[in-house]
Amino acid sequence: MRDVDQRRTAALIRNPTLVIAGEHDTVTSADHGKELAATVPGARLTVLPTVHMANVEGQTEFLEAVVAFLTEGP
């Protein structure tokens, strides 16, 4: 998956999108998350102080980011 370019497909996403990236991820870097968020129209980027598995390594921060995204108004 690391070398697959999905930018054309990602640009077609029309739903609200939250991209969560790990600040210290060496597999899919935070820069990849930034690029993905810039590609998906209206996407929001959250970079957490984690490595690759933000939902495990930073459970509280991850949950806070997801809940905030899901409960915000349009």
C-alpha atoms as a PDB file:
ATOM      1  CA  MET A   1       0.000   0.000   0.000  1.00  0.00           C
ATOM      2  CA  ARG A   2       2.918   2.354   0.678  1.00  0.00           C
ATOM      3  CA  ASP A   3       3.606   2.937  -3.012  1.00  0.00           C
ATOM      4  CA  VAL A   4       0.016   3.024  -4.277  1.00  0.00           C
ATOM      5  CA  ASP A   5      -1.062   6.453  -5.507  1.00  0.00           C
ATOM      6  CA  GLN A   6      -4.729   6.959  -4.591  1.00  0.00           C
ATOM      7  CA  ARG A   7      -4.884  10.737  -5.078  1.00  0.00           C
ATOM      8  CA  ARG A   8      -7.266  10.579  -8.055  1.00  0.00           C
ATOM      9  CA  THR A   9      -9.629   8.306  -6.148  1.00  0.00           C
ATOM     10  CA  ALA A  10      -9.362  10.325  -2.922  1.00  0.00           C
ATOM     11  CA  ALA A  11     -10.266  13.499  -4.800  1.00  0.00           C
ATOM     12  CA  LEU A  12     -13.664  11.926  -5.552  1.00  0.00           C
ATOM     13  CA  ILE A  13     -14.641  11.625  -1.870  1.00  0.00           C
ATOM     14  CA  ARG A  14     -17.535  13.956  -1.109  1.00  0.00           C
ATOM     15  CA  ASN A  15     -18.332  12.958   2.468  1.00  0.00           C
ATOM     16  CA  PRO A  16     -16.938  14.698   5.539  1.00  0.00           C
ATOM     17  CA  THR A  17     -13.515  13.194   6.120  1.00  0.00           C
ATOM     18  CA  LEU A  18     -11.135  13.133   9.054  1.00  0.00           C
ATOM     19  CA  VAL A  19      -7.559  12.131   8.307  1.00  0.00           C
ATOM     20  CA  ILE A  20      -5.585  11.115  11.385  1.00  0.00           C
ATOM     21  CA  ALA A  21      -1.822  10.856  11.048  1.00  0.00           C
ATOM     22  CA  GLY A  22       0.889   9.855  13.496  1.00  0.00           C
ATOM     23  CA  GLU A  23       3.542  12.501  13.988  1.00  0.00           C
ATOM     24  CA  HIS A  24       6.294   9.879  14.319  1.00  0.00           C
ATOM     25  CA  ASP A  25       5.046   7.365  11.745  1.00  0.00           C
ATOM     26  CA  THR A  26       7.808   6.070   9.476  1.00  0.00           C
ATOM     27  CA  VAL A  27       5.487   3.813   7.466  1.00  0.00           C
ATOM     28  CA  THR A  28       2.886   6.359   6.358  1.00  0.00           C
ATOM     29  CA  SER A  29       4.313   9.685   7.414  1.00  0.00           C
ATOM     30  CA  ALA A  30       2.382  12.672   8.668  1.00  0.00           C
ATOM     31  CA  ASP A  31       3.254  14.272   5.335  1.00  0.00           C
ATOM     32  CA  HIS A  32       1.241  11.526   3.626  1.00  0.00           C
ATOM     33  CA  GLY A  33      -1.693  12.419   5.869  1.00  0.00           C
ATOM     34  CA  LYS A  34      -1.285  16.089   4.990  1.00  0.00           C
ATOM     35  CA  GLU A  35      -1.272  15.243   1.293  1.00  0.00           C
ATOM     36  CA  LEU A  36      -4.357  13.056   1.632  1.00  0.00           C
ATOM     37  CA  ALA A  37      -6.237  15.739   3.563  1.00  0.00           C
ATOM     38  CA  ALA A  38      -5.299  18.291   0.918  1.00  0.00           C
ATOM     39  CA  THR A  39      -6.607  15.956  -1.796  1.00  0.00           C
ATOM     40  CA  VAL A  40      -9.998  15.156  -0.247  1.00  0.00           C
ATOM     41  CA  PRO A  41     -12.264  18.206  -0.625  1.00  0.00           C
ATOM     42  CA  GLY A  42     -12.930  19.770   2.779  1.00  0.00           C
ATOM     43  CA  ALA A  43     -11.063  17.103   4.740  1.00  0.00           C
ATOM     44  CA  ARG A  44      -9.757  17.847   8.209  1.00  0.00           C
ATOM     45  CA  LEU A  45      -6.301  16.690   9.309  1.00  0.00           C
ATOM     46  CA  THR A  46      -5.372  15.786  12.862  1.00  0.00           C
ATOM     47  CA  VAL A  47      -1.770  14.839  13.628  1.00  0.00           C
ATOM     48  CA  LEU A  48      -1.358  12.965  16.891  1.00  0.00           C
ATOM     49  CA  PRO A  49       1.906  12.417  18.812  1.00  0.00           C
ATOM     50  CA  THR A  50       1.922   8.721  17.926  1.00  0.00           C
ATOM     51  CA  VAL A  51       3.691   6.379  15.542  1.00  0.00           C
ATOM     52  CA  HIS A  52       1.615   4.129  13.267  1.00  0.00           C
ATOM     53  CA  MET A  53      -1.440   3.008  15.257  1.00  0.00           C
ATOM     54  CA  ALA A  54      -2.894   6.187  16.723  1.00  0.00           C
ATOM     55  CA  ASN A  55      -6.055   4.443  17.947  1.00  0.00           C
ATOM     56  CA  VAL A  56      -3.917   2.138  20.111  1.00  0.00           C
ATOM     57  CA  GLU A  57      -0.954   4.355  21.000  1.00  0.00           C
ATOM     58  CA  GLY A  58      -2.946   7.484  21.791  1.00  0.00           C
ATOM     59  CA  GLN A  59      -6.393   6.174  22.575  1.00  0.00           C
ATOM     60  CA  THR A  60      -7.613   9.245  24.429  1.00  0.00           C
ATOM     61  CA  GLU A  61      -6.388  11.750  21.840  1.00  0.00           C
ATOM     62  CA  PHE A  62      -7.692   9.583  19.009  1.00  0.00           C
ATOM     63  CA  LEU A  63     -11.137   9.261  20.584  1.00  0.00           C
ATOM     64  CA  GLU A  64     -11.309  12.986  21.323  1.00  0.00           C
ATOM     65  CA  ALA A  65     -10.452  13.813  17.696  1.00  0.00           C
ATOM     66  CA  VAL A  66     -13.046  11.389  16.306  1.00  0.00           C
ATOM     67  CA  VAL A  67     -15.827  12.467  18.692  1.00  0.00           C
ATOM     68  CA  ALA A  68     -15.136  16.148  17.984  1.00  0.00           C
ATOM     69  CA  PHE A  69     -15.267  15.486  14.245  1.00  0.00           C
ATOM     70  CA  LEU A  70     -18.498  13.471  14.476  1.00  0.00           C
ATOM     71  CA  THR A  71     -20.314  15.908  16.725  1.00  0.00           C
ATOM     72  CA  GLU A  72     -19.398  19.192  15.064  1.00  0.00           C
ATOM     73  CA  GLY A  73     -22.074  20.964  13.077  1.00  0.00           C
ATOM     74  CA  PRO A  74     -22.045  21.284   9.282  1.00  0.00           C
END
